[in-house]
Amino acid sequence: MKKIILNLAVTLDGYIEGPNGEIDWCIMDGDANFNDFLDDIDSIFYGRISYDLWGNYQPGEEENDLMKSISENINSKKKYVFSHNKTSDNTGATFIQSDIVQKVNEIKKLPGKNIWLYGGAKLIATFLNAGLVDELQLAVHPVILGEGKLLFSEITSRVWLTLKETKSAPSGVVQLIYEVVRVD
């Protein structure tokens, strides 16, 4: 069965956005490993706001070849958008408004590769609270924001994790890869 993998950048103090939604703290230091991650997924789960901001991002001419490659790779994936108020658009994304657990479990049973849970924070909390996340890949950036949008602000019960791997980059970004421990 496919795994749902939360792969996200986060500050050392746990924020995924600054107080005004900014992500200018996120270090894009040419990590080609991200394309490797993208090659292992065939679908992306977005909340509506994240989808509206990034779901169809097209890099500008000033972007380097790696960023263009990453964007092309992302845009080739099947996209699912979880939204209470938007039901469709003209991009071919599938919009899900209800029965999240049932529909996600149906998608996980489809043949293919893993699924990237991109976000936002409310969707991530919904998935973690429902026990739908299988793995967390958190890129911890060497910055403390002090305020903004916290990654784990709406978690309702403990989520136990087992550390699988750590990776570090010369920029100081440390990727922590955890498997979710199922406690029944």
N, C-alpha and C. Protein backbone atom coordinates (compact mmCIF):
# COMPACT_ATOMS: atom_id res chain seq x y z
N MET A 1 0.84 -1.18 0.00
CA MET A 1 0.00 0.00 0.00
C MET A 1 0.89 1.25 0.00
N LYS A 2 0.39 2.28 -0.65
CA LYS A 2 1.11 3.55 -0.70
C LYS A 2 1.28 4.12 0.71
N LYS A 3 2.35 4.89 0.91
CA LYS A 3 2.54 5.61 2.16
C LYS A 3 2.21 7.08 1.94
N ILE A 4 1.70 7.69 2.98
CA ILE A 4 1.52 9.14 2.98
C ILE A 4 2.69 9.73 3.74
N ILE A 5 3.45 10.59 3.05
CA ILE A 5 4.67 11.16 3.61
C ILE A 5 4.52 12.67 3.74
N LEU A 6 4.60 13.16 4.96
CA LEU A 6 4.66 14.60 5.19
C LEU A 6 6.09 15.03 4.97
N ASN A 7 6.34 15.83 3.95
CA ASN A 7 7.67 16.34 3.65
C ASN A 7 7.54 17.85 3.61
N LEU A 8 8.20 18.52 4.56
CA LEU A 8 7.97 19.94 4.72
C LEU A 8 9.17 20.61 5.36
N ALA A 9 9.35 21.89 5.04
CA ALA A 9 10.37 22.72 5.68
C ALA A 9 9.76 23.34 6.94
N VAL A 10 10.57 23.40 7.99
CA VAL A 10 10.12 23.95 9.26
C VAL A 10 11.30 24.67 9.92
N THR A 11 11.01 25.73 10.66
CA THR A 11 12.08 26.43 11.38
C THR A 11 12.45 25.64 12.64
N LEU A 12 13.55 26.01 13.24
CA LEU A 12 13.99 25.33 14.46
C LEU A 12 12.94 25.44 15.57
N ASP A 13 12.17 26.54 15.58
CA ASP A 13 11.14 26.70 16.61
C ASP A 13 9.75 26.25 16.15
N GLY A 14 9.70 25.49 15.06
CA GLY A 14 8.47 24.80 14.70
C GLY A 14 7.51 25.53 13.78
N TYR A 15 7.94 26.61 13.15
CA TYR A 15 7.04 27.36 12.27
C TYR A 15 7.23 26.94 10.81
N ILE A 16 6.10 26.98 10.06
CA ILE A 16 6.15 26.69 8.64
C ILE A 16 5.93 27.95 7.80
N GLU A 17 5.56 29.04 8.46
CA GLU A 17 5.40 30.34 7.82
C GLU A 17 5.70 31.41 8.87
N GLY A 18 6.13 32.57 8.38
CA GLY A 18 6.27 33.72 9.25
C GLY A 18 4.90 34.31 9.56
N PRO A 19 4.84 35.39 10.34
CA PRO A 19 3.56 35.97 10.76
C PRO A 19 2.71 36.50 9.61
N ASN A 20 3.32 36.79 8.48
CA ASN A 20 2.59 37.29 7.32
C ASN A 20 2.57 36.27 6.18
N GLY A 21 2.77 35.01 6.53
CA GLY A 21 2.75 33.95 5.52
C GLY A 21 4.05 33.79 4.77
N GLU A 22 5.07 34.52 5.16
CA GLU A 22 6.33 34.49 4.40
C GLU A 22 7.11 33.21 4.64
N ILE A 23 7.80 32.80 3.58
CA ILE A 23 8.68 31.63 3.64
C ILE A 23 10.08 32.00 3.16
N ASP A 24 10.42 33.27 3.30
CA ASP A 24 11.72 33.76 2.85
C ASP A 24 12.89 33.19 3.66
N TRP A 25 12.59 32.53 4.75
CA TRP A 25 13.60 31.89 5.60
C TRP A 25 14.02 30.54 5.05
N CYS A 26 13.25 30.02 4.12
CA CYS A 26 13.47 28.67 3.59
C CYS A 26 14.69 28.68 2.67
N ILE A 27 15.69 27.89 3.01
CA ILE A 27 16.94 27.85 2.25
C ILE A 27 16.81 26.84 1.12
N MET A 28 16.92 27.34 -0.09
CA MET A 28 16.91 26.47 -1.26
C MET A 28 18.35 26.39 -1.75
N ASP A 29 19.08 25.44 -1.19
CA ASP A 29 20.52 25.38 -1.47
C ASP A 29 20.89 24.33 -2.52
N GLY A 30 19.99 24.14 -3.48
CA GLY A 30 20.32 23.23 -4.57
C GLY A 30 20.29 21.78 -4.17
N ASP A 31 19.35 21.39 -3.32
CA ASP A 31 19.28 20.02 -2.85
C ASP A 31 18.65 19.13 -3.91
N ALA A 32 19.48 18.45 -4.68
CA ALA A 32 18.99 17.56 -5.73
C ALA A 32 18.27 16.35 -5.14
N ASN A 33 18.47 16.08 -3.85
CA ASN A 33 17.77 14.95 -3.22
C ASN A 33 16.26 15.13 -3.24
N PHE A 34 15.79 16.37 -3.36
CA PHE A 34 14.35 16.58 -3.39
C PHE A 34 13.73 15.97 -4.64
N ASN A 35 14.44 16.04 -5.76
CA ASN A 35 13.94 15.38 -6.97
C ASN A 35 13.87 13.87 -6.76
N ASP A 36 14.80 13.31 -6.00
CA ASP A 36 14.74 11.88 -5.68
C ASP A 36 13.46 11.57 -4.90
N PHE A 37 13.13 12.42 -3.92
CA PHE A 37 11.89 12.25 -3.18
C PHE A 37 10.70 12.31 -4.14
N LEU A 38 10.70 13.29 -5.03
CA LEU A 38 9.58 13.45 -5.96
C LEU A 38 9.45 12.27 -6.91
N ASP A 39 10.56 11.64 -7.24
CA ASP A 39 10.51 10.47 -8.12
C ASP A 39 9.83 9.27 -7.44
N ASP A 40 9.75 9.29 -6.12
CA ASP A 40 9.14 8.18 -5.36
C ASP A 40 7.67 8.42 -5.02
N ILE A 41 7.10 9.53 -5.52
CA ILE A 41 5.68 9.80 -5.28
C ILE A 41 4.97 9.95 -6.63
N ASP A 42 3.65 9.72 -6.61
CA ASP A 42 2.88 9.98 -7.83
C ASP A 42 1.70 10.92 -7.57
N SER A 43 1.51 11.30 -6.30
CA SER A 43 0.36 12.14 -5.94
C SER A 43 0.76 13.11 -4.84
N ILE A 44 0.03 14.24 -4.81
CA ILE A 44 0.25 15.25 -3.77
C ILE A 44 -1.09 15.62 -3.16
N PHE A 45 -1.13 15.67 -1.81
CA PHE A 45 -2.31 16.12 -1.08
C PHE A 45 -2.06 17.56 -0.63
N TYR A 46 -2.97 18.45 -1.01
CA TYR A 46 -2.89 19.87 -0.65
C TYR A 46 -4.14 20.28 0.12
N GLY A 47 -3.98 21.23 1.04
CA GLY A 47 -5.11 22.01 1.51
C GLY A 47 -5.39 23.06 0.46
N ARG A 48 -6.56 23.68 0.49
CA ARG A 48 -6.91 24.62 -0.57
C ARG A 48 -5.98 25.82 -0.63
N ILE A 49 -5.63 26.39 0.50
CA ILE A 49 -4.77 27.58 0.49
C ILE A 49 -3.39 27.22 -0.07
N SER A 50 -2.82 26.11 0.38
CA SER A 50 -1.51 25.69 -0.15
C SER A 50 -1.59 25.42 -1.64
N TYR A 51 -2.69 24.81 -2.06
CA TYR A 51 -2.86 24.53 -3.49
C TYR A 51 -2.96 25.82 -4.30
N ASP A 52 -3.75 26.77 -3.79
CA ASP A 52 -3.89 28.04 -4.51
C ASP A 52 -2.55 28.76 -4.63
N LEU A 53 -1.71 28.64 -3.60
CA LEU A 53 -0.41 29.32 -3.63
C LEU A 53 0.63 28.57 -4.45
N TRP A 54 0.66 27.24 -4.33
CA TRP A 54 1.79 26.48 -4.88
C TRP A 54 1.41 25.33 -5.81
N GLY A 55 0.14 25.00 -5.90
CA GLY A 55 -0.28 23.82 -6.66
C GLY A 55 0.06 23.83 -8.13
N ASN A 56 0.13 25.01 -8.71
CA ASN A 56 0.46 25.13 -10.13
C ASN A 56 1.57 26.14 -10.36
N TYR A 57 2.47 26.23 -9.40
CA TYR A 57 3.58 27.18 -9.48
C TYR A 57 4.41 26.95 -10.75
N GLN A 58 4.69 28.03 -11.43
CA GLN A 58 5.55 27.99 -12.60
C GLN A 58 6.76 28.88 -12.32
N PRO A 59 7.96 28.33 -12.39
CA PRO A 59 9.14 29.14 -12.09
C PRO A 59 9.37 30.21 -13.16
N GLY A 60 9.92 31.31 -12.73
CA GLY A 60 10.27 32.38 -13.66
C GLY A 60 11.58 32.08 -14.37
N GLU A 61 11.89 32.88 -15.34
CA GLU A 61 13.13 32.70 -16.12
C GLU A 61 14.37 32.81 -15.24
N GLU A 62 14.27 33.57 -14.14
CA GLU A 62 15.43 33.77 -13.27
C GLU A 62 15.76 32.55 -12.42
N GLU A 63 14.84 31.59 -12.34
CA GLU A 63 15.09 30.37 -11.54
C GLU A 63 16.18 29.53 -12.18
N ASN A 64 16.95 28.84 -11.32
CA ASN A 64 18.00 27.97 -11.85
C ASN A 64 17.41 26.67 -12.40
N ASP A 65 18.21 25.92 -13.09
CA ASP A 65 17.73 24.70 -13.75
C ASP A 65 17.20 23.68 -12.75
N LEU A 66 17.82 23.58 -11.57
CA LEU A 66 17.34 22.63 -10.57
C LEU A 66 15.93 22.99 -10.12
N MET A 67 15.67 24.28 -9.86
CA MET A 67 14.33 24.70 -9.43
C MET A 67 13.31 24.47 -10.55
N LYS A 68 13.71 24.67 -11.78
CA LYS A 68 12.81 24.41 -12.90
C LYS A 68 12.50 22.92 -13.00
N SER A 69 13.51 22.09 -12.76
CA SER A 69 13.33 20.64 -12.80
C SER A 69 12.40 20.18 -11.67
N ILE A 70 12.59 20.73 -10.48
CA ILE A 70 11.73 20.39 -9.35
C ILE A 70 10.29 20.79 -9.63
N SER A 71 10.09 21.99 -10.15
CA SER A 71 8.74 22.46 -10.47
C SER A 71 8.08 21.58 -11.52
N GLU A 72 8.81 21.22 -12.54
CA GLU A 72 8.27 20.34 -13.58
C GLU A 72 7.88 18.98 -13.00
N ASN A 73 8.73 18.46 -12.12
CA ASN A 73 8.47 17.18 -11.48
C ASN A 73 7.20 17.26 -10.61
N ILE A 74 7.06 18.32 -9.84
CA ILE A 74 5.87 18.50 -9.00
C ILE A 74 4.62 18.61 -9.86
N ASN A 75 4.69 19.38 -10.92
CA ASN A 75 3.52 19.60 -11.76
C ASN A 75 3.11 18.36 -12.56
N SER A 76 3.94 17.34 -12.57
CA SER A 76 3.59 16.10 -13.28
C SER A 76 2.79 15.13 -12.40
N LYS A 77 2.60 15.46 -11.14
CA LYS A 77 1.94 14.56 -10.19
C LYS A 77 0.43 14.75 -10.19
N LYS A 78 -0.28 13.70 -9.78
CA LYS A 78 -1.73 13.78 -9.56
C LYS A 78 -1.95 14.62 -8.31
N LYS A 79 -2.88 15.57 -8.37
CA LYS A 79 -3.10 16.47 -7.25
C LYS A 79 -4.49 16.30 -6.67
N TYR A 80 -4.53 16.19 -5.34
CA TYR A 80 -5.78 16.11 -4.60
C TYR A 80 -5.84 17.33 -3.68
N VAL A 81 -6.96 18.02 -3.70
CA VAL A 81 -7.12 19.23 -2.90
C VAL A 81 -8.27 19.01 -1.92
N PHE A 82 -7.98 19.21 -0.63
CA PHE A 82 -8.98 19.06 0.42
C PHE A 82 -9.51 20.46 0.75
N SER A 83 -10.80 20.67 0.46
CA SER A 83 -11.37 22.00 0.60
C SER A 83 -12.85 21.89 0.98
N HIS A 84 -13.28 22.79 1.87
CA HIS A 84 -14.70 22.85 2.23
C HIS A 84 -15.50 23.69 1.24
N ASN A 85 -14.82 24.61 0.54
CA ASN A 85 -15.59 25.55 -0.27
C ASN A 85 -15.23 25.58 -1.75
N LYS A 86 -14.23 24.87 -2.17
CA LYS A 86 -13.87 24.86 -3.59
C LYS A 86 -14.07 23.44 -4.11
N THR A 87 -14.76 23.29 -5.21
CA THR A 87 -15.10 21.95 -5.69
C THR A 87 -14.39 21.56 -6.97
N SER A 88 -13.83 22.54 -7.69
CA SER A 88 -13.13 22.21 -8.93
C SER A 88 -12.37 23.43 -9.43
N ASP A 89 -11.52 23.17 -10.40
CA ASP A 89 -10.86 24.23 -11.16
C ASP A 89 -10.53 23.64 -12.53
N ASN A 90 -9.79 24.33 -13.32
CA ASN A 90 -9.51 23.84 -14.66
C ASN A 90 -8.13 23.20 -14.80
N THR A 91 -7.57 22.72 -13.70
CA THR A 91 -6.21 22.16 -13.75
C THR A 91 -6.19 20.64 -13.75
N GLY A 92 -7.32 20.02 -13.52
CA GLY A 92 -7.34 18.56 -13.46
C GLY A 92 -7.15 17.99 -12.07
N ALA A 93 -7.03 18.86 -11.05
CA ALA A 93 -6.91 18.38 -9.67
C ALA A 93 -8.24 17.77 -9.24
N THR A 94 -8.17 16.82 -8.32
CA THR A 94 -9.36 16.22 -7.73
C THR A 94 -9.62 16.91 -6.40
N PHE A 95 -10.84 17.41 -6.22
CA PHE A 95 -11.20 18.11 -4.99
C PHE A 95 -12.01 17.18 -4.09
N ILE A 96 -11.62 17.13 -2.80
CA ILE A 96 -12.27 16.27 -1.83
C ILE A 96 -12.83 17.16 -0.73
N GLN A 97 -14.14 17.02 -0.47
CA GLN A 97 -14.80 17.87 0.51
C GLN A 97 -15.30 17.13 1.75
N SER A 98 -15.46 15.81 1.65
CA SER A 98 -16.03 15.07 2.78
C SER A 98 -15.46 13.65 2.79
N ASP A 99 -15.78 12.92 3.84
CA ASP A 99 -15.35 11.52 3.98
C ASP A 99 -13.85 11.36 3.74
N ILE A 100 -13.07 12.24 4.37
CA ILE A 100 -11.63 12.29 4.12
C ILE A 100 -10.96 10.94 4.37
N VAL A 101 -11.20 10.34 5.53
CA VAL A 101 -10.52 9.09 5.88
C VAL A 101 -10.83 8.00 4.86
N GLN A 102 -12.10 7.85 4.52
CA GLN A 102 -12.49 6.83 3.55
C GLN A 102 -11.84 7.08 2.18
N LYS A 103 -11.90 8.31 1.70
CA LYS A 103 -11.35 8.62 0.38
C LYS A 103 -9.84 8.50 0.35
N VAL A 104 -9.18 8.92 1.42
CA VAL A 104 -7.72 8.79 1.48
C VAL A 104 -7.32 7.31 1.48
N ASN A 105 -8.02 6.50 2.25
CA ASN A 105 -7.71 5.07 2.28
C ASN A 105 -7.94 4.42 0.91
N GLU A 106 -8.94 4.87 0.18
CA GLU A 106 -9.16 4.37 -1.18
C GLU A 106 -8.00 4.76 -2.09
N ILE A 107 -7.53 5.99 -1.98
CA ILE A 107 -6.41 6.46 -2.80
C ILE A 107 -5.14 5.69 -2.45
N LYS A 108 -4.92 5.42 -1.15
CA LYS A 108 -3.73 4.67 -0.73
C LYS A 108 -3.71 3.26 -1.32
N LYS A 109 -4.88 2.69 -1.60
CA LYS A 109 -4.95 1.33 -2.14
C LYS A 109 -4.74 1.28 -3.65
N LEU A 110 -4.76 2.42 -4.30
CA LEU A 110 -4.54 2.43 -5.75
C LEU A 110 -3.10 2.02 -6.06
N PRO A 111 -2.88 1.39 -7.21
CA PRO A 111 -1.50 1.06 -7.57
C PRO A 111 -0.69 2.33 -7.81
N GLY A 112 0.59 2.24 -7.59
CA GLY A 112 1.45 3.38 -7.86
C GLY A 112 2.43 3.65 -6.74
N LYS A 113 2.91 4.87 -6.73
CA LYS A 113 3.94 5.29 -5.78
C LYS A 113 3.31 5.96 -4.56
N ASN A 114 4.17 6.44 -3.66
CA ASN A 114 3.73 7.08 -2.42
C ASN A 114 3.06 8.42 -2.68
N ILE A 115 2.53 9.01 -1.61
CA ILE A 115 1.79 10.26 -1.67
C ILE A 115 2.48 11.29 -0.78
N TRP A 116 2.65 12.50 -1.31
CA TRP A 116 3.25 13.60 -0.56
C TRP A 116 2.13 14.42 0.07
N LEU A 117 2.12 14.49 1.40
CA LEU A 117 1.22 15.39 2.12
C LEU A 117 1.95 16.71 2.24
N TYR A 118 1.52 17.68 1.47
CA TYR A 118 2.22 18.96 1.42
C TYR A 118 1.70 19.93 2.48
N GLY A 119 0.42 20.04 2.65
CA GLY A 119 -0.08 20.96 3.67
C GLY A 119 -1.25 21.75 3.16
N GLY A 120 -1.67 22.63 4.01
CA GLY A 120 -1.18 23.37 5.13
C GLY A 120 -1.35 22.73 6.49
N ALA A 121 -1.16 23.57 7.49
CA ALA A 121 -1.10 23.11 8.87
C ALA A 121 -2.40 22.44 9.32
N LYS A 122 -3.54 22.97 8.91
CA LYS A 122 -4.82 22.37 9.31
C LYS A 122 -4.99 20.99 8.68
N LEU A 123 -4.64 20.86 7.42
CA LEU A 123 -4.74 19.57 6.75
C LEU A 123 -3.79 18.57 7.38
N ILE A 124 -2.59 19.00 7.69
CA ILE A 124 -1.60 18.13 8.33
C ILE A 124 -2.14 17.64 9.68
N ALA A 125 -2.72 18.55 10.46
CA ALA A 125 -3.29 18.17 11.75
C ALA A 125 -4.43 17.17 11.56
N THR A 126 -5.28 17.41 10.57
CA THR A 126 -6.38 16.49 10.29
C THR A 126 -5.84 15.10 9.98
N PHE A 127 -4.83 15.02 9.14
CA PHE A 127 -4.25 13.73 8.76
C PHE A 127 -3.56 13.05 9.94
N LEU A 128 -2.79 13.80 10.72
CA LEU A 128 -2.13 13.21 11.89
C LEU A 128 -3.15 12.75 12.92
N ASN A 129 -4.17 13.56 13.17
CA ASN A 129 -5.19 13.21 14.15
C ASN A 129 -5.99 11.98 13.73
N ALA A 130 -6.12 11.75 12.42
CA ALA A 130 -6.86 10.60 11.91
C ALA A 130 -5.96 9.37 11.70
N GLY A 131 -4.67 9.50 12.00
CA GLY A 131 -3.75 8.37 11.84
C GLY A 131 -3.45 8.03 10.39
N LEU A 132 -3.49 9.02 9.50
CA LEU A 132 -3.29 8.78 8.08
C LEU A 132 -1.85 8.96 7.61
N VAL A 133 -1.00 9.58 8.41
CA VAL A 133 0.38 9.84 8.01
C VAL A 133 1.26 8.65 8.37
N ASP A 134 2.08 8.21 7.43
CA ASP A 134 2.97 7.08 7.65
C ASP A 134 4.40 7.49 7.97
N GLU A 135 4.82 8.64 7.43
CA GLU A 135 6.21 9.06 7.58
C GLU A 135 6.29 10.58 7.58
N LEU A 136 7.20 11.13 8.37
CA LEU A 136 7.47 12.56 8.39
C LEU A 136 8.89 12.78 7.92
N GLN A 137 9.07 13.67 6.97
CA GLN A 137 10.39 14.09 6.51
C GLN A 137 10.44 15.60 6.69
N LEU A 138 11.03 16.03 7.79
CA LEU A 138 11.05 17.44 8.15
C LEU A 138 12.44 18.02 7.90
N ALA A 139 12.49 19.05 7.07
CA ALA A 139 13.73 19.78 6.81
C ALA A 139 13.77 20.95 7.79
N VAL A 140 14.56 20.80 8.85
CA VAL A 140 14.64 21.82 9.90
C VAL A 140 15.68 22.85 9.48
N HIS A 141 15.21 24.10 9.34
CA HIS A 141 16.07 25.19 8.86
C HIS A 141 16.67 25.94 10.05
N PRO A 142 17.90 26.40 9.91
CA PRO A 142 18.60 27.04 11.02
C PRO A 142 18.17 28.49 11.22
N VAL A 143 16.92 28.66 11.62
CA VAL A 143 16.39 29.99 11.90
C VAL A 143 15.31 29.84 12.97
N ILE A 144 15.21 30.85 13.82
CA ILE A 144 14.15 30.92 14.83
C ILE A 144 13.31 32.15 14.49
N LEU A 145 12.03 31.94 14.17
CA LEU A 145 11.16 33.04 13.77
C LEU A 145 10.50 33.72 14.97
N GLY A 146 10.15 32.94 15.99
CA GLY A 146 9.50 33.52 17.16
C GLY A 146 8.00 33.69 17.02
N GLU A 147 7.50 33.75 15.80
CA GLU A 147 6.06 33.85 15.57
C GLU A 147 5.75 33.43 14.14
N GLY A 148 4.49 33.12 13.91
CA GLY A 148 4.06 32.68 12.59
C GLY A 148 3.05 31.56 12.73
N LYS A 149 3.04 30.66 11.73
CA LYS A 149 2.12 29.52 11.74
C LYS A 149 2.90 28.29 12.18
N LEU A 150 2.48 27.72 13.32
CA LEU A 150 3.13 26.52 13.84
C LEU A 150 2.72 25.30 13.04
N LEU A 151 3.64 24.37 12.88
CA LEU A 151 3.35 23.14 12.16
C LEU A 151 2.38 22.26 12.92
N PHE A 152 2.58 22.08 14.20
CA PHE A 152 1.79 21.11 14.98
C PHE A 152 0.92 21.79 16.03
N SER A 153 0.12 22.76 15.64
CA SER A 153 -0.65 23.51 16.64
C SER A 153 -2.00 22.89 16.97
N GLU A 154 -2.51 21.99 16.14
CA GLU A 154 -3.86 21.46 16.37
C GLU A 154 -3.87 19.93 16.54
N ILE A 155 -2.80 19.36 17.03
CA ILE A 155 -2.73 17.92 17.24
C ILE A 155 -3.48 17.59 18.53
N THR A 156 -4.37 16.59 18.47
CA THR A 156 -5.24 16.29 19.60
C THR A 156 -4.75 15.15 20.49
N SER A 157 -3.79 14.35 19.99
CA SER A 157 -3.24 13.28 20.83
C SER A 157 -1.81 12.99 20.39
N ARG A 158 -1.11 12.27 21.21
CA ARG A 158 0.29 11.97 20.92
C ARG A 158 0.44 11.18 19.63
N VAL A 159 1.51 11.50 18.93
CA VAL A 159 1.90 10.74 17.74
C VAL A 159 3.32 10.26 18.01
N TRP A 160 3.48 8.95 18.15
CA TRP A 160 4.78 8.37 18.45
C TRP A 160 5.54 8.15 17.14
N LEU A 161 6.83 8.43 17.18
CA LEU A 161 7.67 8.37 15.99
C LEU A 161 8.93 7.57 16.26
N THR A 162 9.45 6.93 15.22
CA THR A 162 10.75 6.26 15.27
C THR A 162 11.66 6.93 14.25
N LEU A 163 12.82 7.39 14.70
CA LEU A 163 13.77 8.03 13.81
C LEU A 163 14.37 7.00 12.86
N LYS A 164 14.23 7.24 11.56
CA LYS A 164 14.77 6.34 10.55
C LYS A 164 16.11 6.83 10.01
N GLU A 165 16.24 8.16 9.86
CA GLU A 165 17.44 8.68 9.21
C GLU A 165 17.55 10.18 9.45
N THR A 166 18.77 10.67 9.44
CA THR A 166 19.02 12.11 9.44
C THR A 166 19.98 12.43 8.31
N LYS A 167 19.81 13.61 7.75
CA LYS A 167 20.70 14.10 6.69
C LYS A 167 20.98 15.57 7.00
N SER A 168 22.18 16.01 6.70
CA SER A 168 22.47 17.42 6.89
C SER A 168 23.08 18.00 5.62
N ALA A 169 22.86 19.29 5.44
CA ALA A 169 23.38 20.01 4.28
C ALA A 169 24.37 21.06 4.76
N PRO A 170 25.28 21.48 3.90
CA PRO A 170 26.24 22.53 4.29
C PRO A 170 25.56 23.82 4.75
N SER A 171 24.34 24.07 4.34
CA SER A 171 23.61 25.28 4.72
C SER A 171 23.18 25.25 6.19
N GLY A 172 23.23 24.07 6.82
CA GLY A 172 22.75 23.93 8.19
C GLY A 172 21.37 23.31 8.27
N VAL A 173 20.72 23.09 7.13
CA VAL A 173 19.43 22.41 7.13
C VAL A 173 19.65 20.95 7.50
N VAL A 174 18.83 20.45 8.42
CA VAL A 174 18.91 19.06 8.84
C VAL A 174 17.57 18.40 8.54
N GLN A 175 17.62 17.31 7.79
CA GLN A 175 16.39 16.59 7.50
C GLN A 175 16.26 15.43 8.47
N LEU A 176 15.12 15.38 9.13
CA LEU A 176 14.80 14.32 10.07
C LEU A 176 13.71 13.46 9.44
N ILE A 177 13.95 12.17 9.35
CA ILE A 177 12.99 11.25 8.74
C ILE A 177 12.50 10.30 9.82
N TYR A 178 11.19 10.38 10.09
CA TYR A 178 10.56 9.58 11.11
C TYR A 178 9.47 8.70 10.54
N GLU A 179 9.36 7.50 11.06
CA GLU A 179 8.23 6.64 10.75
C GLU A 179 7.22 6.78 11.89
N VAL A 180 5.94 6.87 11.54
CA VAL A 180 4.89 6.94 12.54
C VAL A 180 4.67 5.56 13.13
N VAL A 181 4.68 5.49 14.46
CA VAL A 181 4.46 4.23 15.16
C VAL A 181 2.96 4.06 15.36
N ARG A 182 2.42 2.96 14.89
CA ARG A 182 1.00 2.69 15.04
C ARG A 182 0.76 2.07 16.41
N VAL A 183 -0.03 2.73 17.23
CA VAL A 183 -0.37 2.26 18.56
C VAL A 183 -1.86 1.95 18.56
N ASP A 184 -2.19 0.68 18.68
CA ASP A 184 -3.62 0.30 18.64
C ASP A 184 -4.15 -0.02 20.01
